[in-house]
């Protein structure tokens, strides 16, 4: 299994919208790809809670059953289609993928 975590810091204003408006668009965009390929085991989009300490605005925490499933997700047209918007509104991005041993309870 592969854990895929991505975090974004958004610009205060981008694409004609405020950070708050873009946060809602980001969440909807990311959630639209959660079932685009087989092999997605977990897919969670989190938005930083106002008033709580956070260095990023959005996190995607996902789990894929194989590297092939992650690769299929990365190249899927629905996922590729949201990348230009994400690039236009982000001030920063961090990503980490790592192997997670399979567990009997999944």
PDB file of N, CA and C in Angstrom:
ATOM      1  N   UNK A   1       0.848  -1.182   0.000  1.00  0.00           N
ATOM      2  CA  UNK A   1       0.000   0.000   0.000  1.00  0.00           C
ATOM      3  C   UNK A   1       0.889   1.239   0.000  1.00  0.00           C
ATOM      4  N   UNK A   2       0.365   2.299  -0.600  1.00  0.00           N
ATOM      5  CA  UNK A   2       1.093   3.558  -0.697  1.00  0.00           C
ATOM      6  C   UNK A   2       0.249   4.667  -0.075  1.00  0.00           C
ATOM      7  N   UNK A   3       0.817   5.348   0.917  1.00  0.00           N
ATOM      8  CA  UNK A   3       0.174   6.521   1.513  1.00  0.00           C
ATOM      9  C   UNK A   3       0.627   7.725   0.690  1.00  0.00           C
ATOM     10  N   UNK A   4      -0.333   8.542   0.249  1.00  0.00           N
ATOM     11  CA  UNK A   4      -0.075   9.723  -0.574  1.00  0.00           C
ATOM     12  C   UNK A   4      -0.657  10.924   0.164  1.00  0.00           C
ATOM     13  N   UNK A   5       0.219  11.813   0.621  1.00  0.00           N
ATOM     14  CA  UNK A   5      -0.204  12.993   1.378  1.00  0.00           C
ATOM     15  C   UNK A   5       0.277  14.237   0.634  1.00  0.00           C
ATOM     16  N   UNK A   6      -0.645  15.160   0.408  1.00  0.00           N
ATOM     17  CA  UNK A   6      -0.303  16.424  -0.250  1.00  0.00           C
ATOM     18  C   UNK A   6      -0.908  17.555   0.573  1.00  0.00           C
ATOM     19  N   UNK A   7      -0.122  18.628   0.770  1.00  0.00           N
ATOM     20  CA  UNK A   7      -0.613  19.799   1.493  1.00  0.00           C
ATOM     21  C   UNK A   7      -0.402  21.036   0.628  1.00  0.00           C
ATOM     22  N   UNK A   8      -1.377  21.930   0.666  1.00  0.00           N
ATOM     23  CA  UNK A   8      -1.304  23.164  -0.100  1.00  0.00           C
ATOM     24  C   UNK A   8      -1.513  24.369   0.804  1.00  0.00           C
ATOM     25  N   UNK A   9      -0.748  25.407   0.556  1.00  0.00           N
ATOM     26  CA  UNK A   9      -0.965  26.736   1.135  1.00  0.00           C
ATOM     27  C   UNK A   9      -1.518  27.571   0.001  1.00  0.00           C
ATOM     28  N   UNK A  10      -2.661  28.201   0.201  1.00  0.00           N
ATOM     29  CA  UNK A  10      -3.298  28.967  -0.864  1.00  0.00           C
ATOM     30  C   UNK A  10      -2.928  30.442  -0.799  1.00  0.00           C
ATOM     31  N   UNK A  11      -2.971  31.072  -1.967  1.00  0.00           N
ATOM     32  CA  UNK A  11      -2.781  32.516  -2.055  1.00  0.00           C
ATOM     33  C   UNK A  11      -4.001  33.196  -1.426  1.00  0.00           C
ATOM     34  N   UNK A  12      -3.800  34.420  -0.928  1.00  0.00           N
ATOM     35  CA  UNK A  12      -4.920  35.163  -0.342  1.00  0.00           C
ATOM     36  C   UNK A  12      -6.005  35.438  -1.370  1.00  0.00           C
ATOM     37  N   UNK A  13      -5.593  35.670  -2.617  1.00  0.00           N
ATOM     38  CA  UNK A  13      -6.537  35.949  -3.694  1.00  0.00           C
ATOM     39  C   UNK A  13      -5.959  35.382  -4.978  1.00  0.00           C
ATOM     40  N   UNK A  14      -6.745  34.601  -5.705  1.00  0.00           N
ATOM     41  CA  UNK A  14      -6.288  34.018  -6.970  1.00  0.00           C
ATOM     42  C   UNK A  14      -7.480  33.610  -7.813  1.00  0.00           C
ATOM     43  N   UNK A  15      -7.320  33.669  -9.107  1.00  0.00           N
ATOM     44  CA  UNK A  15      -8.372  33.271 -10.045  1.00  0.00           C
ATOM     45  C   UNK A  15      -9.672  34.024  -9.769  1.00  0.00           C
ATOM     46  N   UNK A  16      -9.543  35.293  -9.361  1.00  0.00           N
ATOM     47  CA  UNK A  16     -10.717  36.128  -9.124  1.00  0.00           C
ATOM     48  C   UNK A  16     -11.505  35.791  -7.881  1.00  0.00           C
ATOM     49  N   UNK A  17     -10.902  35.026  -6.965  1.00  0.00           N
ATOM     50  CA  UNK A  17     -11.628  34.604  -5.770  1.00  0.00           C
ATOM     51  C   UNK A  17     -10.756  34.740  -4.524  1.00  0.00           C
ATOM     52  N   UNK A  18     -11.409  34.818  -3.381  1.00  0.00           N
ATOM     53  CA  UNK A  18     -10.704  34.887  -2.101  1.00  0.00           C
ATOM     54  C   UNK A  18     -10.183  33.500  -1.718  1.00  0.00           C
ATOM     55  N   UNK A  19      -9.310  33.469  -0.733  1.00  0.00           N
ATOM     56  CA  UNK A  19      -8.809  32.188  -0.215  1.00  0.00           C
ATOM     57  C   UNK A  19      -9.977  31.316   0.252  1.00  0.00           C
ATOM     58  N   UNK A  20     -10.926  31.905   0.967  1.00  0.00           N
ATOM     59  CA  UNK A  20     -12.069  31.125   1.476  1.00  0.00           C
ATOM     60  C   UNK A  20     -12.874  30.512   0.335  1.00  0.00           C
ATOM     61  N   UNK A  21     -13.131  31.291  -0.698  1.00  0.00           N
ATOM     62  CA  UNK A  21     -13.874  30.757  -1.849  1.00  0.00           C
ATOM     63  C   UNK A  21     -13.080  29.651  -2.538  1.00  0.00           C
ATOM     64  N   UNK A  22     -11.778  29.850  -2.683  1.00  0.00           N
ATOM     65  CA  UNK A  22     -10.947  28.840  -3.334  1.00  0.00           C
ATOM     66  C   UNK A  22     -10.820  27.581  -2.483  1.00  0.00           C
ATOM     67  N   UNK A  23     -10.855  27.718  -1.167  1.00  0.00           N
ATOM     68  CA  UNK A  23     -10.831  26.531  -0.309  1.00  0.00           C
ATOM     69  C   UNK A  23     -12.034  25.636  -0.592  1.00  0.00           C
ATOM     70  N   UNK A  24     -13.185  26.238  -0.753  1.00  0.00           N
ATOM     71  CA  UNK A  24     -14.390  25.455  -1.055  1.00  0.00           C
ATOM     72  C   UNK A  24     -14.259  24.780  -2.417  1.00  0.00           C
ATOM     73  N   UNK A  25     -13.707  25.490  -3.390  1.00  0.00           N
ATOM     74  CA  UNK A  25     -13.513  24.912  -4.726  1.00  0.00           C
ATOM     75  C   UNK A  25     -12.497  23.770  -4.688  1.00  0.00           C
ATOM     76  N   UNK A  26     -11.428  23.952  -3.915  1.00  0.00           N
ATOM     77  CA  UNK A  26     -10.402  22.913  -3.794  1.00  0.00           C
ATOM     78  C   UNK A  26     -11.011  21.648  -3.203  1.00  0.00           C
ATOM     79  N   UNK A  27     -11.748  21.804  -2.122  1.00  0.00           N
ATOM     80  CA  UNK A  27     -12.346  20.633  -1.474  1.00  0.00           C
ATOM     81  C   UNK A  27     -13.257  19.889  -2.448  1.00  0.00           C
ATOM     82  N   UNK A  28     -14.112  20.610  -3.151  1.00  0.00           N
ATOM     83  CA  UNK A  28     -15.017  19.980  -4.118  1.00  0.00           C
ATOM     84  C   UNK A  28     -14.239  19.324  -5.258  1.00  0.00           C
ATOM     85  N   UNK A  29     -13.199  19.999  -5.753  1.00  0.00           N
ATOM     86  CA  UNK A  29     -12.397  19.454  -6.849  1.00  0.00           C
ATOM     87  C   UNK A  29     -11.702  18.165  -6.434  1.00  0.00           C
ATOM     88  N   UNK A  30     -11.091  18.179  -5.266  1.00  0.00           N
ATOM     89  CA  UNK A  30     -10.383  16.986  -4.805  1.00  0.00           C
ATOM     90  C   UNK A  30     -11.353  15.845  -4.530  1.00  0.00           C
ATOM     91  N   UNK A  31     -12.468  16.149  -3.922  1.00  0.00           N
ATOM     92  CA  UNK A  31     -13.432  15.089  -3.625  1.00  0.00           C
ATOM     93  C   UNK A  31     -14.053  14.506  -4.896  1.00  0.00           C
ATOM     94  N   UNK A  32     -14.007  15.240  -5.993  1.00  0.00           N
ATOM     95  CA  UNK A  32     -14.555  14.728  -7.247  1.00  0.00           C
ATOM     96  C   UNK A  32     -13.691  13.623  -7.856  1.00  0.00           C
ATOM     97  N   UNK A  33     -12.457  13.474  -7.379  1.00  0.00           N
ATOM     98  CA  UNK A  33     -11.569  12.449  -7.942  1.00  0.00           C
ATOM     99  C   UNK A  33     -11.391  11.247  -7.015  1.00  0.00           C
ATOM    100  N   UNK A  34     -12.096  11.219  -5.902  1.00  0.00           N
ATOM    101  CA  UNK A  34     -11.845  10.184  -4.896  1.00  0.00           C
ATOM    102  C   UNK A  34     -12.201   8.773  -5.355  1.00  0.00           C
ATOM    103  N   UNK A  35     -12.998   8.644  -6.386  1.00  0.00           N
ATOM    104  CA  UNK A  35     -13.380   7.320  -6.881  1.00  0.00           C
ATOM    105  C   UNK A  35     -13.007   7.125  -8.349  1.00  0.00           C
ATOM    106  N   UNK A  36     -12.049   7.898  -8.834  1.00  0.00           N
ATOM    107  CA  UNK A  36     -11.776   7.884 -10.279  1.00  0.00           C
ATOM    108  C   UNK A  36     -11.067   6.623 -10.758  1.00  0.00           C
ATOM    109  N   UNK A  37     -10.391   5.909  -9.884  1.00  0.00           N
ATOM    110  CA  UNK A  37      -9.708   4.672 -10.293  1.00  0.00           C
ATOM    111  C   UNK A  37      -9.898   3.601  -9.221  1.00  0.00           C
ATOM    112  N   UNK A  38      -9.858   2.340  -9.620  1.00  0.00           N
ATOM    113  CA  UNK A  38      -9.863   1.273  -8.620  1.00  0.00           C
ATOM    114  C   UNK A  38      -8.557   1.323  -7.819  1.00  0.00           C
ATOM    115  N   UNK A  39      -8.609   0.850  -6.602  1.00  0.00           N
ATOM    116  CA  UNK A  39      -7.401   0.780  -5.785  1.00  0.00           C
ATOM    117  C   UNK A  39      -7.224   1.923  -4.800  1.00  0.00           C
ATOM    118  N   UNK A  40      -8.188   2.853  -4.765  1.00  0.00           N
ATOM    119  CA  UNK A  40      -8.153   3.905  -3.745  1.00  0.00           C
ATOM    120  C   UNK A  40      -8.815   3.331  -2.500  1.00  0.00           C
ATOM    121  N   UNK A  41      -8.037   3.182  -1.440  1.00  0.00           N
ATOM    122  CA  UNK A  41      -8.516   2.574  -0.203  1.00  0.00           C
ATOM    123  C   UNK A  41      -9.080   3.636   0.742  1.00  0.00           C
ATOM    124  N   UNK A  42      -8.388   4.760   0.845  1.00  0.00           N
ATOM    125  CA  UNK A  42      -8.815   5.881   1.686  1.00  0.00           C
ATOM    126  C   UNK A  42      -8.570   7.168   0.915  1.00  0.00           C
ATOM    127  N   UNK A  43      -9.426   8.168   1.142  1.00  0.00           N
ATOM    128  CA  UNK A  43      -9.276   9.449   0.455  1.00  0.00           C
ATOM    129  C   UNK A  43      -9.953  10.507   1.303  1.00  0.00           C
ATOM    130  N   UNK A  44      -9.170  11.316   1.985  1.00  0.00           N
ATOM    131  CA  UNK A  44      -9.713  12.326   2.894  1.00  0.00           C
ATOM    132  C   UNK A  44      -9.133  13.687   2.554  1.00  0.00           C
ATOM    133  N   UNK A  45     -10.017  14.683   2.435  1.00  0.00           N
ATOM    134  CA  UNK A  45      -9.608  16.065   2.193  1.00  0.00           C
ATOM    135  C   UNK A  45      -9.918  16.848   3.459  1.00  0.00           C
ATOM    136  N   UNK A  46      -8.902  17.511   4.003  1.00  0.00           N
ATOM    137  CA  UNK A  46      -9.090  18.311   5.208  1.00  0.00           C
ATOM    138  C   UNK A  46      -8.767  19.770   4.948  1.00  0.00           C
ATOM    139  N   UNK A  47      -9.575  20.643   5.514  1.00  0.00           N
ATOM    140  CA  UNK A  47      -9.368  22.088   5.441  1.00  0.00           C
ATOM    141  C   UNK A  47      -8.997  22.554   6.844  1.00  0.00           C
ATOM    142  N   UNK A  48      -7.958  23.384   6.943  1.00  0.00           N
ATOM    143  CA  UNK A  48      -7.517  23.870   8.250  1.00  0.00           C
ATOM    144  C   UNK A  48      -8.667  24.580   8.967  1.00  0.00           C
ATOM    145  N   UNK A  49      -8.803  24.280  10.233  1.00  0.00           N
ATOM    146  CA  UNK A  49      -9.849  24.888  11.051  1.00  0.00           C
ATOM    147  C   UNK A  49      -9.420  26.297  11.452  1.00  0.00           C
ATOM    148  N   UNK A  50     -10.251  27.301  11.165  1.00  0.00           N
ATOM    149  CA  UNK A  50      -9.898  28.668  11.557  1.00  0.00           C
ATOM    150  C   UNK A  50      -9.624  28.760  13.057  1.00  0.00           C
ATOM    151  N   UNK A  51      -8.602  29.490  13.405  1.00  0.00           N
ATOM    152  CA  UNK A  51      -8.247  29.673  14.805  1.00  0.00           C
ATOM    153  C   UNK A  51      -7.300  28.635  15.354  1.00  0.00           C
ATOM    154  N   UNK A  52      -7.095  27.551  14.636  1.00  0.00           N
ATOM    155  CA  UNK A  52      -6.149  26.529  15.063  1.00  0.00           C
ATOM    156  C   UNK A  52      -4.853  26.721  14.284  1.00  0.00           C
ATOM    157  N   UNK A  53      -3.750  26.443  14.943  1.00  0.00           N
ATOM    158  CA  UNK A  53      -2.455  26.619  14.301  1.00  0.00           C
ATOM    159  C   UNK A  53      -2.318  25.661  13.120  1.00  0.00           C
ATOM    160  N   UNK A  54      -1.967  26.218  11.960  1.00  0.00           N
ATOM    161  CA  UNK A  54      -1.765  25.406  10.765  1.00  0.00           C
ATOM    162  C   UNK A  54      -0.817  26.137   9.831  1.00  0.00           C
ATOM    163  N   UNK A  55       0.089  25.399   9.213  1.00  0.00           N
ATOM    164  CA  UNK A  55       1.005  26.005   8.257  1.00  0.00           C
ATOM    165  C   UNK A  55       0.533  25.822   6.824  1.00  0.00           C
ATOM    166  N   UNK A  56      -0.467  24.968   6.626  1.00  0.00           N
ATOM    167  CA  UNK A  56      -1.056  24.750   5.310  1.00  0.00           C
ATOM    168  C   UNK A  56      -2.566  24.874   5.422  1.00  0.00           C
ATOM    169  N   UNK A  57      -3.217  25.107   4.292  1.00  0.00           N
ATOM    170  CA  UNK A  57      -4.660  25.324   4.277  1.00  0.00           C
ATOM    171  C   UNK A  57      -5.456  24.062   3.973  1.00  0.00           C
ATOM    172  N   UNK A  58      -4.887  23.179   3.161  1.00  0.00           N
ATOM    173  CA  UNK A  58      -5.601  21.990   2.691  1.00  0.00           C
ATOM    174  C   UNK A  58      -4.656  20.804   2.755  1.00  0.00           C
ATOM    175  N   UNK A  59      -5.200  19.643   3.131  1.00  0.00           N
ATOM    176  CA  UNK A  59      -4.422  18.406   3.098  1.00  0.00           C
ATOM    177  C   UNK A  59      -5.242  17.323   2.410  1.00  0.00           C
ATOM    178  N   UNK A  60      -4.559  16.547   1.589  1.00  0.00           N
ATOM    179  CA  UNK A  60      -5.129  15.338   1.012  1.00  0.00           C
ATOM    180  C   UNK A  60      -4.362  14.182   1.622  1.00  0.00           C
ATOM    181  N   UNK A  61      -5.076  13.300   2.305  1.00  0.00           N
ATOM    182  CA  UNK A  61      -4.473  12.127   2.920  1.00  0.00           C
ATOM    183  C   UNK A  61      -5.153  10.914   2.290  1.00  0.00           C
ATOM    184  N   UNK A  62      -4.401  10.194   1.459  1.00  0.00           N
ATOM    185  CA  UNK A  62      -5.006   9.084   0.718  1.00  0.00           C
ATOM    186  C   UNK A  62      -4.137   7.836   0.805  1.00  0.00           C
ATOM    187  N   UNK A  63      -4.778   6.717   0.570  1.00  0.00           N
ATOM    188  CA  UNK A  63      -4.098   5.424   0.613  1.00  0.00           C
ATOM    189  C   UNK A  63      -4.499   4.643  -0.624  1.00  0.00           C
ATOM    190  N   UNK A  64      -3.504   4.097  -1.312  1.00  0.00           N
ATOM    191  CA  UNK A  64      -3.706   3.319  -2.530  1.00  0.00           C
ATOM    192  C   UNK A  64      -3.231   1.900  -2.290  1.00  0.00           C
ATOM    193  N   UNK A  65      -3.900   0.939  -2.899  1.00  0.00           N
ATOM    194  CA  UNK A  65      -3.525  -0.452  -2.648  1.00  0.00           C
ATOM    195  C   UNK A  65      -2.244  -0.864  -3.363  1.00  0.00           C
ATOM    196  N   UNK A  66      -1.750  -0.025  -4.288  1.00  0.00           N
ATOM    197  CA  UNK A  66      -0.501  -0.347  -4.989  1.00  0.00           C
ATOM    198  C   UNK A  66       0.061   0.896  -5.652  1.00  0.00           C
ATOM    199  N   UNK A  67       1.305   0.814  -6.057  1.00  0.00           N
ATOM    200  CA  UNK A  67       1.919   1.900  -6.809  1.00  0.00           C
ATOM    201  C   UNK A  67       1.198   2.088  -8.143  1.00  0.00           C
ATOM    202  N   UNK A  68       0.736   0.991  -8.723  1.00  0.00           N
ATOM    203  CA  UNK A  68       0.010   1.070  -9.990  1.00  0.00           C
ATOM    204  C   UNK A  68      -1.289   1.873  -9.840  1.00  0.00           C
ATOM    205  N   UNK A  69      -1.981   1.693  -8.722  1.00  0.00           N
ATOM    206  CA  UNK A  69      -3.212   2.443  -8.479  1.00  0.00           C
ATOM    207  C   UNK A  69      -2.902   3.935  -8.318  1.00  0.00           C
ATOM    208  N   UNK A  70      -1.827   4.264  -7.589  1.00  0.00           N
ATOM    209  CA  UNK A  70      -1.424   5.664  -7.449  1.00  0.00           C
ATOM    210  C   UNK A  70      -1.055   6.246  -8.806  1.00  0.00           C
ATOM    211  N   UNK A  71      -0.310   5.494  -9.597  1.00  0.00           N
ATOM    212  CA  UNK A  71       0.069   5.967 -10.936  1.00  0.00           C
ATOM    213  C   UNK A  71      -1.173   6.198 -11.804  1.00  0.00           C
ATOM    214  N   UNK A  72      -2.147   5.295 -11.724  1.00  0.00           N
ATOM    215  CA  UNK A  72      -3.377   5.449 -12.492  1.00  0.00           C
ATOM    216  C   UNK A  72      -4.131   6.704 -12.054  1.00  0.00           C
ATOM    217  N   UNK A  73      -4.168   6.955 -10.754  1.00  0.00           N
ATOM    218  CA  UNK A  73      -4.798   8.167 -10.215  1.00  0.00           C
ATOM    219  C   UNK A  73      -4.085   9.411 -10.730  1.00  0.00           C
ATOM    220  N   UNK A  74      -2.754   9.410 -10.653  1.00  0.00           N
ATOM    221  CA  UNK A  74      -1.969  10.576 -11.072  1.00  0.00           C
ATOM    222  C   UNK A  74      -2.222  10.921 -12.534  1.00  0.00           C
ATOM    223  N   UNK A  75      -2.412   9.910 -13.367  1.00  0.00           N
ATOM    224  CA  UNK A  75      -2.596  10.145 -14.788  1.00  0.00           C
ATOM    225  C   UNK A  75      -4.037  10.197 -15.254  1.00  0.00           C
ATOM    226  N   UNK A  76      -4.979   9.983 -14.349  1.00  0.00           N
ATOM    227  CA  UNK A  76      -6.393   9.962 -14.735  1.00  0.00           C
ATOM    228  C   UNK A  76      -6.824  11.358 -15.212  1.00  0.00           C
ATOM    229  N   UNK A  77      -7.571  11.441 -16.306  1.00  0.00           N
ATOM    230  CA  UNK A  77      -7.974  12.742 -16.855  1.00  0.00           C
ATOM    231  C   UNK A  77      -8.710  13.646 -15.871  1.00  0.00           C
ATOM    232  N   UNK A  78      -9.522  13.079 -14.999  1.00  0.00           N
ATOM    233  CA  UNK A  78     -10.232  13.899 -14.011  1.00  0.00           C
ATOM    234  C   UNK A  78      -9.253  14.540 -13.039  1.00  0.00           C
ATOM    235  N   UNK A  79      -8.240  13.794 -12.639  1.00  0.00           N
ATOM    236  CA  UNK A  79      -7.214  14.343 -11.742  1.00  0.00           C
ATOM    237  C   UNK A  79      -6.350  15.368 -12.472  1.00  0.00           C
ATOM    238  N   UNK A  80      -5.927  15.035 -13.661  1.00  0.00           N
ATOM    239  CA  UNK A  80      -5.087  15.940 -14.453  1.00  0.00           C
ATOM    240  C   UNK A  80      -5.822  17.263 -14.703  1.00  0.00           C
ATOM    241  N   UNK A  81      -7.128  17.211 -14.887  1.00  0.00           N
ATOM    242  CA  UNK A  81      -7.913  18.410 -15.196  1.00  0.00           C
ATOM    243  C   UNK A  81      -7.935  19.432 -14.063  1.00  0.00           C
ATOM    244  N   UNK A  82      -7.762  19.007 -12.811  1.00  0.00           N
ATOM    245  CA  UNK A  82      -7.805  19.970 -11.706  1.00  0.00           C
ATOM    246  C   UNK A  82      -6.435  20.585 -11.413  1.00  0.00           C
ATOM    247  N   UNK A  83      -5.379  20.035 -11.989  1.00  0.00           N
ATOM    248  CA  UNK A  83      -4.030  20.528 -11.704  1.00  0.00           C
ATOM    249  C   UNK A  83      -3.804  21.995 -12.083  1.00  0.00           C
ATOM    250  N   UNK A  84      -4.277  22.479 -13.238  1.00  0.00           N
ATOM    251  CA  UNK A  84      -4.045  23.893 -13.558  1.00  0.00           C
ATOM    252  C   UNK A  84      -4.659  24.847 -12.532  1.00  0.00           C
ATOM    253  N   UNK A  85      -5.882  24.543 -12.078  1.00  0.00           N
ATOM    254  CA  UNK A  85      -6.513  25.370 -11.050  1.00  0.00           C
ATOM    255  C   UNK A  85      -5.699  25.328  -9.765  1.00  0.00           C
ATOM    256  N   UNK A  86      -5.299  24.139  -9.357  1.00  0.00           N
ATOM    257  CA  UNK A  86      -4.513  24.012  -8.123  1.00  0.00           C
ATOM    258  C   UNK A  86      -3.208  24.787  -8.221  1.00  0.00           C
ATOM    259  N   UNK A  87      -2.560  24.717  -9.354  1.00  0.00           N
ATOM    260  CA  UNK A  87      -1.301  25.450  -9.548  1.00  0.00           C
ATOM    261  C   UNK A  87      -1.514  26.962  -9.494  1.00  0.00           C
ATOM    262  N   UNK A  88      -2.630  27.429 -10.038  1.00  0.00           N
ATOM    263  CA  UNK A  88      -2.901  28.863 -10.088  1.00  0.00           C
ATOM    264  C   UNK A  88      -3.211  29.465  -8.723  1.00  0.00           C
ATOM    265  N   UNK A  89      -3.775  28.682  -7.820  1.00  0.00           N
ATOM    266  CA  UNK A  89      -4.210  29.253  -6.536  1.00  0.00           C
ATOM    267  C   UNK A  89      -3.258  28.966  -5.386  1.00  0.00           C
ATOM    268  N   UNK A  90      -2.270  28.133  -5.599  1.00  0.00           N
ATOM    269  CA  UNK A  90      -1.405  27.743  -4.479  1.00  0.00           C
ATOM    270  C   UNK A  90      -0.209  28.681  -4.323  1.00  0.00           C
ATOM    271  N   UNK A  91       0.121  28.907  -3.066  1.00  0.00           N
ATOM    272  CA  UNK A  91       1.344  29.631  -2.722  1.00  0.00           C
ATOM    273  C   UNK A  91       2.453  28.637  -2.407  1.00  0.00           C
ATOM    274  N   UNK A  92       2.070  27.423  -2.025  1.00  0.00           N
ATOM    275  CA  UNK A  92       3.044  26.383  -1.711  1.00  0.00           C
ATOM    276  C   UNK A  92       2.393  25.017  -1.727  1.00  0.00           C
ATOM    277  N   UNK A  93       3.232  23.999  -1.929  1.00  0.00           N
ATOM    278  CA  UNK A  93       2.740  22.618  -1.986  1.00  0.00           C
ATOM    279  C   UNK A  93       3.829  21.696  -1.469  1.00  0.00           C
ATOM    280  N   UNK A  94       3.433  20.720  -0.693  1.00  0.00           N
ATOM    281  CA  UNK A  94       4.334  19.674  -0.218  1.00  0.00           C
ATOM    282  C   UNK A  94       3.657  18.336  -0.447  1.00  0.00           C
ATOM    283  N   UNK A  95       4.442  17.327  -0.773  1.00  0.00           N
ATOM    284  CA  UNK A  95       3.907  16.004  -1.057  1.00  0.00           C
ATOM    285  C   UNK A  95       4.831  14.952  -0.471  1.00  0.00           C
ATOM    286  N   UNK A  96       4.236  13.867   0.008  1.00  0.00           N
ATOM    287  CA  UNK A  96       5.014  12.738   0.485  1.00  0.00           C
ATOM    288  C   UNK A  96       4.260  11.459   0.190  1.00  0.00           C
ATOM    289  N   UNK A  97       4.962  10.495  -0.402  1.00  0.00           N
ATOM    290  CA  UNK A  97       4.432   9.158  -0.637  1.00  0.00           C
ATOM    291  C   UNK A  97       5.324   8.178   0.116  1.00  0.00           C
ATOM    292  N   UNK A  98       4.712   7.185   0.742  1.00  0.00           N
ATOM    293  CA  UNK A  98       5.516   6.167   1.406  1.00  0.00           C
ATOM    294  C   UNK A  98       4.765   4.837   1.450  1.00  0.00           C
ATOM    295  N   UNK A  99       5.512   3.766   1.546  1.00  0.00           N
ATOM    296  CA  UNK A  99       4.948   2.426   1.579  1.00  0.00           C
ATOM    297  C   UNK A  99       4.405   2.139   2.966  1.00  0.00           C
ATOM    298  N   UNK A 100       3.182   1.613   3.010  1.00  0.00           N
ATOM    299  CA  UNK A 100       2.527   1.226   4.256  1.00  0.00           C
ATOM    300  C   UNK A 100       2.293  -0.286   4.176  1.00  0.00           C
ATOM    301  N   UNK A 101       2.763  -1.034   5.146  1.00  0.00           N
ATOM    302  CA  UNK A 101       2.497  -2.481   5.112  1.00  0.00           C
ATOM    303  C   UNK A 101       0.991  -2.748   5.173  1.00  0.00           C
ATOM    304  N   UNK A 102       0.550  -3.733   4.427  1.00  0.00           N
ATOM    305  CA  UNK A 102      -0.866  -4.113   4.436  1.00  0.00           C
ATOM    306  C   UNK A 102      -1.241  -4.618   5.829  1.00  0.00           C
ATOM    307  N   UNK A 103      -2.473  -4.283   6.249  1.00  0.00           N
ATOM    308  CA  UNK A 103      -2.982  -4.741   7.538  1.00  0.00           C
ATOM    309  C   UNK A 103      -4.203  -5.612   7.312  1.00  0.00           C
ATOM    310  N   UNK A 104      -4.425  -6.540   8.190  1.00  0.00           N
ATOM    311  CA  UNK A 104      -5.542  -7.467   8.065  1.00  0.00           C
ATOM    312  C   UNK A 104      -6.896  -6.772   8.167  1.00  0.00           C
ATOM    313  N   UNK A 105      -6.959  -5.607   8.851  1.00  0.00           N
ATOM    314  CA  UNK A 105      -8.233  -4.928   9.058  1.00  0.00           C
ATOM    315  C   UNK A 105      -8.623  -4.010   7.915  1.00  0.00           C
ATOM    316  N   UNK A 106      -7.893  -4.002   6.826  1.00  0.00           N
ATOM    317  CA  UNK A 106      -8.248  -3.140   5.674  1.00  0.00           C
ATOM    318  C   UNK A 106      -8.808  -3.953   4.573  1.00  0.00           C
TER     319      UNK A 106
END
